[in-house]
Amino acid sequence: MELNLSERPKIIARPDVWFAFIKVLGNEHAPEAWRTLTDVIWKDKMVEKDSEFIAAFYPDPITQKMHYEAGITVSHEFTSRDALKCRRLEGGKYASFMLKGPYENIYSAFSKLNSNWVTENRHQLRDAACLEVYLNDPKTTLSKDLLTELLIPIK
């Protein structure tokens, strides 16, 4: 499988944002997290004009399984309820790569970046979550045309 992944990153800065999310342990539960999230946010009319759909993930220090947070940016804090949580999603400096193609390629793309770019780059990694920013709607976009920004936190 050939990945349609940018070779060189853009170095960007993202602001801190409010983040409404569903958290699961293990990437294999991501589809379930997205289903739960979308049910709640559409029912509660939480999607705003400038909302971004984002996944944040980071390893559990004990089990090394990935904490996966499927979420959207929101304009203000709210009280967490049931499975839906709210927190500040840390901004900062990121190496930004563009992936074109099905979401099933995201894991392979991050694996490639971790084995190649992360080990060869001149940037130090920052202790923050990696992010996936979904740039178009999978309901109206062909799988081969989906655009996902992959963000690696750097110092």
N, C-alpha and C. Protein backbone atom coordinates (compact mmCIF):
# COMPACT_ATOMS: atom_id res chain seq x y z
N MET A 1 0.85 -1.19 0.00
CA MET A 1 0.00 0.00 0.00
C MET A 1 0.89 1.25 0.00
N GLU A 2 0.69 2.10 -0.95
CA GLU A 2 1.44 3.35 -1.03
C GLU A 2 0.67 4.44 -0.30
N LEU A 3 1.37 5.16 0.56
CA LEU A 3 0.74 6.25 1.31
C LEU A 3 0.91 7.55 0.56
N ASN A 4 -0.15 8.32 0.47
CA ASN A 4 -0.09 9.65 -0.11
C ASN A 4 0.13 10.62 1.06
N LEU A 5 1.38 10.70 1.51
CA LEU A 5 1.77 11.44 2.71
C LEU A 5 2.86 12.44 2.36
N SER A 6 2.70 13.68 2.82
CA SER A 6 3.72 14.68 2.54
C SER A 6 5.06 14.23 3.12
N GLU A 7 6.13 14.47 2.37
CA GLU A 7 7.47 14.05 2.78
C GLU A 7 8.06 14.95 3.86
N ARG A 8 7.83 16.23 3.71
CA ARG A 8 8.41 17.21 4.66
C ARG A 8 7.27 17.93 5.38
N PRO A 9 7.49 18.16 6.66
CA PRO A 9 6.42 18.82 7.41
C PRO A 9 6.46 20.33 7.27
N LYS A 10 5.32 20.94 7.54
CA LYS A 10 5.28 22.38 7.81
C LYS A 10 5.38 22.48 9.32
N ILE A 11 6.12 23.45 9.80
CA ILE A 11 6.19 23.68 11.24
C ILE A 11 5.15 24.75 11.56
N ILE A 12 4.21 24.40 12.42
CA ILE A 12 3.09 25.29 12.72
C ILE A 12 2.95 25.48 14.23
N ALA A 13 2.20 26.50 14.60
CA ALA A 13 1.83 26.72 16.01
C ALA A 13 0.31 26.68 16.09
N ARG A 14 -0.19 25.92 17.03
CA ARG A 14 -1.64 25.84 17.27
C ARG A 14 -1.94 26.47 18.62
N PRO A 15 -3.08 27.17 18.73
CA PRO A 15 -3.46 27.74 20.02
C PRO A 15 -4.09 26.66 20.92
N ASP A 16 -4.12 26.92 22.22
CA ASP A 16 -4.91 26.09 23.12
C ASP A 16 -6.37 26.27 22.74
N VAL A 17 -7.16 25.20 22.81
CA VAL A 17 -8.58 25.28 22.47
C VAL A 17 -9.37 24.42 23.46
N TRP A 18 -10.66 24.74 23.61
CA TRP A 18 -11.55 23.87 24.37
C TRP A 18 -11.87 22.68 23.49
N PHE A 19 -11.92 21.51 24.10
CA PHE A 19 -12.03 20.24 23.38
C PHE A 19 -13.10 19.38 24.04
N ALA A 20 -14.16 19.06 23.31
CA ALA A 20 -15.21 18.14 23.78
C ALA A 20 -14.89 16.78 23.18
N PHE A 21 -14.81 15.74 24.01
CA PHE A 21 -14.30 14.47 23.49
C PHE A 21 -14.86 13.26 24.23
N ILE A 22 -14.73 12.13 23.56
CA ILE A 22 -15.00 10.81 24.12
C ILE A 22 -13.65 10.09 24.16
N LYS A 23 -13.30 9.56 25.32
CA LYS A 23 -11.99 8.91 25.49
C LYS A 23 -12.15 7.40 25.59
N VAL A 24 -11.28 6.69 24.85
CA VAL A 24 -11.23 5.23 24.92
C VAL A 24 -9.77 4.81 25.08
N LEU A 25 -9.57 3.61 25.58
CA LEU A 25 -8.22 3.07 25.71
C LEU A 25 -8.01 2.07 24.59
N GLY A 26 -7.12 2.40 23.68
CA GLY A 26 -6.83 1.53 22.53
C GLY A 26 -7.42 2.09 21.25
N ASN A 27 -6.56 2.22 20.23
CA ASN A 27 -7.00 2.74 18.92
C ASN A 27 -8.09 1.90 18.29
N GLU A 28 -8.14 0.62 18.65
CA GLU A 28 -9.15 -0.25 18.05
C GLU A 28 -10.57 0.17 18.43
N HIS A 29 -10.71 1.00 19.46
CA HIS A 29 -12.03 1.48 19.89
C HIS A 29 -12.37 2.86 19.30
N ALA A 30 -11.53 3.37 18.42
CA ALA A 30 -11.77 4.69 17.83
C ALA A 30 -13.11 4.79 17.11
N PRO A 31 -13.50 3.82 16.27
CA PRO A 31 -14.81 3.96 15.59
C PRO A 31 -15.97 4.09 16.57
N GLU A 32 -15.93 3.33 17.65
CA GLU A 32 -16.97 3.41 18.69
C GLU A 32 -16.98 4.80 19.33
N ALA A 33 -15.79 5.35 19.60
CA ALA A 33 -15.71 6.69 20.20
C ALA A 33 -16.30 7.74 19.26
N TRP A 34 -16.01 7.63 17.97
CA TRP A 34 -16.55 8.59 17.00
C TRP A 34 -18.07 8.48 16.88
N ARG A 35 -18.59 7.25 16.89
CA ARG A 35 -20.06 7.07 16.83
C ARG A 35 -20.72 7.73 18.03
N THR A 36 -20.18 7.47 19.22
CA THR A 36 -20.75 8.06 20.45
C THR A 36 -20.66 9.57 20.40
N LEU A 37 -19.50 10.09 20.01
CA LEU A 37 -19.32 11.54 19.94
C LEU A 37 -20.30 12.19 18.97
N THR A 38 -20.38 11.66 17.76
CA THR A 38 -21.24 12.31 16.76
C THR A 38 -22.71 12.25 17.16
N ASP A 39 -23.12 11.15 17.78
CA ASP A 39 -24.51 11.09 18.28
C ASP A 39 -24.79 12.23 19.24
N VAL A 40 -23.88 12.47 20.18
CA VAL A 40 -24.08 13.50 21.22
C VAL A 40 -23.98 14.91 20.65
N ILE A 41 -22.94 15.18 19.87
CA ILE A 41 -22.73 16.57 19.42
C ILE A 41 -23.80 17.05 18.46
N TRP A 42 -24.33 16.14 17.62
CA TRP A 42 -25.41 16.57 16.71
C TRP A 42 -26.72 16.73 17.48
N LYS A 43 -26.98 15.81 18.41
CA LYS A 43 -28.21 15.89 19.20
C LYS A 43 -28.22 17.16 20.05
N ASP A 44 -27.07 17.49 20.64
CA ASP A 44 -26.97 18.66 21.52
C ASP A 44 -26.57 19.94 20.78
N LYS A 45 -26.51 19.88 19.45
CA LYS A 45 -26.17 21.04 18.62
C LYS A 45 -24.87 21.73 19.08
N MET A 46 -23.83 20.93 19.25
CA MET A 46 -22.56 21.44 19.74
C MET A 46 -21.60 21.85 18.63
N VAL A 47 -21.88 21.43 17.39
CA VAL A 47 -20.98 21.76 16.29
C VAL A 47 -21.17 23.22 15.93
N GLU A 48 -20.06 23.95 15.97
CA GLU A 48 -20.07 25.38 15.67
C GLU A 48 -19.41 25.62 14.31
N LYS A 49 -19.57 26.80 13.81
CA LYS A 49 -19.02 27.16 12.49
C LYS A 49 -17.53 26.83 12.40
N ASP A 50 -16.77 27.12 13.46
CA ASP A 50 -15.32 26.94 13.42
C ASP A 50 -14.85 25.66 14.09
N SER A 51 -15.76 24.76 14.43
CA SER A 51 -15.36 23.51 15.09
C SER A 51 -14.44 22.69 14.19
N GLU A 52 -13.42 22.12 14.81
CA GLU A 52 -12.54 21.18 14.11
C GLU A 52 -12.78 19.79 14.70
N PHE A 53 -12.81 18.80 13.85
CA PHE A 53 -12.90 17.41 14.30
C PHE A 53 -11.47 16.89 14.44
N ILE A 54 -11.13 16.46 15.66
CA ILE A 54 -9.75 16.13 15.99
C ILE A 54 -9.70 14.85 16.81
N ALA A 55 -8.69 14.05 16.57
CA ALA A 55 -8.36 12.94 17.47
C ALA A 55 -7.04 13.28 18.14
N ALA A 56 -6.98 13.08 19.44
CA ALA A 56 -5.74 13.26 20.21
C ALA A 56 -5.39 11.90 20.80
N PHE A 57 -4.13 11.54 20.73
CA PHE A 57 -3.75 10.25 21.33
C PHE A 57 -2.36 10.31 21.93
N TYR A 58 -2.20 9.51 22.98
CA TYR A 58 -0.95 9.47 23.74
C TYR A 58 -0.90 8.15 24.49
N PRO A 59 0.32 7.62 24.75
CA PRO A 59 0.43 6.32 25.40
C PRO A 59 0.13 6.39 26.90
N ASP A 60 -0.50 5.33 27.40
CA ASP A 60 -0.69 5.18 28.83
C ASP A 60 0.67 4.82 29.42
N PRO A 61 1.13 5.53 30.46
CA PRO A 61 2.47 5.28 30.98
C PRO A 61 2.65 3.88 31.59
N ILE A 62 1.55 3.24 31.98
CA ILE A 62 1.66 1.92 32.60
C ILE A 62 1.47 0.80 31.57
N THR A 63 0.38 0.86 30.82
CA THR A 63 0.07 -0.24 29.89
C THR A 63 0.68 -0.04 28.51
N GLN A 64 1.06 1.19 28.18
CA GLN A 64 1.57 1.56 26.86
C GLN A 64 0.49 1.48 25.77
N LYS A 65 -0.76 1.15 26.13
CA LYS A 65 -1.86 1.24 25.17
C LYS A 65 -2.13 2.72 24.93
N MET A 66 -2.70 3.04 23.79
CA MET A 66 -2.99 4.42 23.45
C MET A 66 -4.30 4.90 24.07
N HIS A 67 -4.23 6.06 24.72
CA HIS A 67 -5.45 6.78 25.07
C HIS A 67 -5.85 7.50 23.79
N TYR A 68 -7.07 7.32 23.35
CA TYR A 68 -7.56 7.90 22.11
C TYR A 68 -8.75 8.77 22.45
N GLU A 69 -8.70 10.04 22.06
CA GLU A 69 -9.79 10.98 22.31
C GLU A 69 -10.34 11.47 20.98
N ALA A 70 -11.59 11.11 20.69
CA ALA A 70 -12.29 11.57 19.49
C ALA A 70 -13.06 12.81 19.90
N GLY A 71 -12.81 13.96 19.25
CA GLY A 71 -13.47 15.17 19.72
C GLY A 71 -13.61 16.27 18.70
N ILE A 72 -14.19 17.36 19.19
CA ILE A 72 -14.32 18.58 18.39
C ILE A 72 -13.90 19.76 19.26
N THR A 73 -13.45 20.80 18.59
CA THR A 73 -13.16 22.03 19.32
C THR A 73 -14.48 22.77 19.54
N VAL A 74 -14.58 23.40 20.70
CA VAL A 74 -15.77 24.17 21.06
C VAL A 74 -15.31 25.52 21.59
N SER A 75 -16.23 26.49 21.59
CA SER A 75 -15.84 27.87 21.93
C SER A 75 -15.72 28.13 23.42
N HIS A 76 -16.27 27.24 24.25
CA HIS A 76 -16.24 27.50 25.69
C HIS A 76 -16.25 26.18 26.47
N GLU A 77 -15.85 26.28 27.71
CA GLU A 77 -15.85 25.13 28.60
C GLU A 77 -17.28 24.75 28.96
N PHE A 78 -17.51 23.49 29.21
CA PHE A 78 -18.81 23.03 29.71
C PHE A 78 -18.55 21.93 30.73
N THR A 79 -19.55 21.62 31.51
CA THR A 79 -19.43 20.57 32.51
C THR A 79 -19.51 19.22 31.82
N SER A 80 -18.52 18.38 32.06
CA SER A 80 -18.51 17.05 31.48
C SER A 80 -19.74 16.28 31.92
N ARG A 81 -20.27 15.47 31.02
CA ARG A 81 -21.45 14.68 31.35
C ARG A 81 -21.36 13.32 30.67
N ASP A 82 -21.72 12.30 31.43
CA ASP A 82 -21.65 10.92 30.95
C ASP A 82 -20.26 10.67 30.34
N ALA A 83 -20.21 10.17 29.13
CA ALA A 83 -18.92 9.87 28.50
C ALA A 83 -18.28 11.10 27.87
N LEU A 84 -19.07 12.17 27.67
CA LEU A 84 -18.55 13.38 27.02
C LEU A 84 -17.80 14.23 28.02
N LYS A 85 -16.54 14.46 27.74
CA LYS A 85 -15.67 15.25 28.62
C LYS A 85 -15.27 16.55 27.93
N CYS A 86 -14.76 17.48 28.73
CA CYS A 86 -14.29 18.76 28.20
C CYS A 86 -12.97 19.10 28.87
N ARG A 87 -12.01 19.55 28.09
CA ARG A 87 -10.71 19.98 28.63
C ARG A 87 -10.07 20.95 27.65
N ARG A 88 -9.00 21.58 28.11
CA ARG A 88 -8.18 22.39 27.22
C ARG A 88 -7.27 21.45 26.45
N LEU A 89 -7.27 21.57 25.15
CA LEU A 89 -6.35 20.82 24.30
C LEU A 89 -5.15 21.72 24.08
N GLU A 90 -4.02 21.25 24.55
CA GLU A 90 -2.79 22.05 24.52
C GLU A 90 -2.38 22.39 23.10
N GLY A 91 -2.07 23.65 22.90
CA GLY A 91 -1.53 24.09 21.63
C GLY A 91 -0.02 23.97 21.67
N GLY A 92 0.63 24.73 20.82
CA GLY A 92 2.09 24.72 20.78
C GLY A 92 2.58 24.43 19.38
N LYS A 93 3.84 24.08 19.33
CA LYS A 93 4.52 23.88 18.06
C LYS A 93 4.35 22.41 17.61
N TYR A 94 4.04 22.24 16.33
CA TYR A 94 3.82 20.91 15.76
C TYR A 94 4.48 20.80 14.39
N ALA A 95 4.92 19.59 14.08
CA ALA A 95 5.29 19.24 12.71
C ALA A 95 4.02 18.72 12.06
N SER A 96 3.61 19.35 10.97
CA SER A 96 2.34 19.05 10.31
C SER A 96 2.59 18.33 8.99
N PHE A 97 1.99 17.14 8.86
CA PHE A 97 2.07 16.35 7.64
C PHE A 97 0.67 16.19 7.09
N MET A 98 0.53 16.15 5.77
CA MET A 98 -0.77 15.98 5.14
C MET A 98 -0.88 14.56 4.59
N LEU A 99 -1.98 13.90 4.94
CA LEU A 99 -2.27 12.57 4.43
C LEU A 99 -3.53 12.65 3.57
N LYS A 100 -3.45 12.13 2.37
CA LYS A 100 -4.63 12.05 1.50
C LYS A 100 -4.98 10.58 1.33
N GLY A 101 -6.25 10.26 1.61
CA GLY A 101 -6.69 8.87 1.45
C GLY A 101 -7.51 8.41 2.64
N PRO A 102 -7.84 7.13 2.65
CA PRO A 102 -8.74 6.60 3.68
C PRO A 102 -8.17 6.70 5.09
N TYR A 103 -9.08 6.82 6.04
CA TYR A 103 -8.68 6.91 7.45
C TYR A 103 -7.92 5.65 7.88
N GLU A 104 -8.16 4.53 7.22
CA GLU A 104 -7.46 3.29 7.56
C GLU A 104 -5.94 3.43 7.38
N ASN A 105 -5.49 4.45 6.63
CA ASN A 105 -4.06 4.66 6.40
C ASN A 105 -3.39 5.49 7.50
N ILE A 106 -4.16 6.05 8.41
CA ILE A 106 -3.58 6.94 9.43
C ILE A 106 -2.56 6.21 10.30
N TYR A 107 -2.89 5.02 10.76
CA TYR A 107 -1.96 4.28 11.62
C TYR A 107 -0.65 4.02 10.89
N SER A 108 -0.73 3.58 9.63
CA SER A 108 0.48 3.32 8.83
C SER A 108 1.28 4.60 8.62
N ALA A 109 0.58 5.71 8.42
CA ALA A 109 1.27 6.99 8.21
C ALA A 109 2.03 7.40 9.47
N PHE A 110 1.40 7.31 10.63
CA PHE A 110 2.09 7.66 11.88
C PHE A 110 3.25 6.69 12.14
N SER A 111 3.07 5.41 11.82
CA SER A 111 4.16 4.44 11.98
C SER A 111 5.35 4.83 11.11
N LYS A 112 5.06 5.21 9.87
CA LYS A 112 6.14 5.63 8.95
C LYS A 112 6.83 6.89 9.48
N LEU A 113 6.05 7.85 9.95
CA LEU A 113 6.64 9.07 10.49
C LEU A 113 7.49 8.78 11.71
N ASN A 114 7.03 7.89 12.58
CA ASN A 114 7.79 7.55 13.79
C ASN A 114 9.08 6.81 13.46
N SER A 115 9.05 5.96 12.44
CA SER A 115 10.27 5.22 12.11
C SER A 115 11.22 6.02 11.24
N ASN A 116 10.73 7.01 10.52
CA ASN A 116 11.59 7.79 9.63
C ASN A 116 11.81 9.21 10.17
N TRP A 117 10.81 10.05 10.05
CA TRP A 117 11.00 11.46 10.33
C TRP A 117 11.38 11.73 11.79
N VAL A 118 10.70 11.10 12.72
CA VAL A 118 10.96 11.38 14.14
C VAL A 118 12.39 11.02 14.50
N THR A 119 12.91 9.91 13.97
CA THR A 119 14.27 9.49 14.33
C THR A 119 15.34 10.30 13.59
N GLU A 120 14.98 10.92 12.46
CA GLU A 120 15.97 11.63 11.64
C GLU A 120 15.89 13.15 11.75
N ASN A 121 14.85 13.69 12.34
CA ASN A 121 14.67 15.14 12.33
C ASN A 121 15.54 15.84 13.36
N ARG A 122 15.63 17.13 13.24
CA ARG A 122 16.44 17.91 14.17
C ARG A 122 15.59 18.51 15.31
N HIS A 123 14.32 18.20 15.34
CA HIS A 123 13.42 18.71 16.37
C HIS A 123 13.28 17.69 17.50
N GLN A 124 13.21 18.20 18.72
CA GLN A 124 12.93 17.34 19.85
C GLN A 124 11.42 17.23 20.02
N LEU A 125 10.96 16.05 20.42
CA LEU A 125 9.54 15.87 20.65
C LEU A 125 9.14 16.51 21.97
N ARG A 126 7.91 17.00 22.00
CA ARG A 126 7.33 17.62 23.18
C ARG A 126 6.38 16.61 23.81
N ASP A 127 6.24 16.66 25.14
CA ASP A 127 5.34 15.75 25.85
C ASP A 127 3.91 16.26 25.73
N ALA A 128 3.29 15.94 24.61
CA ALA A 128 1.90 16.33 24.34
C ALA A 128 1.33 15.29 23.39
N ALA A 129 0.02 15.31 23.24
CA ALA A 129 -0.64 14.35 22.36
C ALA A 129 -0.34 14.62 20.89
N CYS A 130 -0.21 13.55 20.11
CA CYS A 130 -0.23 13.68 18.65
C CYS A 130 -1.68 13.92 18.27
N LEU A 131 -1.88 14.63 17.16
CA LEU A 131 -3.24 14.98 16.74
C LEU A 131 -3.49 14.56 15.30
N GLU A 132 -4.74 14.22 15.05
CA GLU A 132 -5.25 14.02 13.69
C GLU A 132 -6.34 15.06 13.51
N VAL A 133 -6.20 15.92 12.52
CA VAL A 133 -7.22 16.94 12.25
C VAL A 133 -7.87 16.56 10.92
N TYR A 134 -9.18 16.30 10.97
CA TYR A 134 -9.91 15.84 9.80
C TYR A 134 -10.42 17.06 9.04
N LEU A 135 -9.96 17.20 7.79
CA LEU A 135 -10.19 18.44 7.05
C LEU A 135 -11.40 18.42 6.12
N ASN A 136 -11.97 17.24 5.88
CA ASN A 136 -13.20 17.20 5.07
C ASN A 136 -14.13 16.14 5.65
N ASP A 137 -15.32 16.09 5.13
CA ASP A 137 -16.39 15.27 5.69
C ASP A 137 -16.45 13.90 5.01
N PRO A 138 -16.26 12.83 5.78
CA PRO A 138 -16.29 11.50 5.16
C PRO A 138 -17.66 11.10 4.61
N LYS A 139 -18.70 11.84 4.98
CA LYS A 139 -20.04 11.54 4.44
C LYS A 139 -20.22 12.11 3.03
N THR A 140 -19.42 13.13 2.68
CA THR A 140 -19.58 13.78 1.38
C THR A 140 -18.31 13.70 0.52
N THR A 141 -17.28 13.02 1.03
CA THR A 141 -15.99 12.95 0.33
C THR A 141 -15.63 11.50 0.09
N LEU A 142 -15.18 11.18 -1.11
CA LEU A 142 -14.72 9.83 -1.40
C LEU A 142 -13.54 9.49 -0.48
N SER A 143 -13.46 8.25 -0.07
CA SER A 143 -12.39 7.80 0.83
C SER A 143 -11.00 8.17 0.30
N LYS A 144 -10.79 8.01 -0.98
CA LYS A 144 -9.47 8.31 -1.57
C LYS A 144 -9.13 9.80 -1.54
N ASP A 145 -10.13 10.65 -1.32
CA ASP A 145 -9.92 12.11 -1.31
C ASP A 145 -9.94 12.72 0.09
N LEU A 146 -10.07 11.89 1.12
CA LEU A 146 -10.07 12.43 2.48
C LEU A 146 -8.72 13.05 2.81
N LEU A 147 -8.75 14.20 3.47
CA LEU A 147 -7.53 14.89 3.89
C LEU A 147 -7.46 14.92 5.41
N THR A 148 -6.33 14.46 5.93
CA THR A 148 -6.11 14.44 7.38
C THR A 148 -4.75 15.07 7.66
N GLU A 149 -4.75 16.06 8.54
CA GLU A 149 -3.50 16.68 8.96
C GLU A 149 -2.99 15.90 10.17
N LEU A 150 -1.78 15.37 10.08
CA LEU A 150 -1.16 14.61 11.16
C LEU A 150 -0.17 15.53 11.86
N LEU A 151 -0.34 15.71 13.16
CA LEU A 151 0.48 16.65 13.91
C LEU A 151 1.30 15.95 14.98
N ILE A 152 2.60 16.19 14.94
CA ILE A 152 3.52 15.65 15.93
C ILE A 152 4.04 16.81 16.77
N PRO A 153 3.86 16.76 18.11
CA PRO A 153 4.28 17.88 18.96
C PRO A 153 5.81 17.95 19.07
N ILE A 154 6.35 19.14 18.81
CA ILE A 154 7.80 19.33 18.87
C ILE A 154 8.13 20.54 19.73
N LYS A 155 9.39 20.62 20.16
CA LYS A 155 9.85 21.76 20.97
C LYS A 155 10.31 22.88 20.07
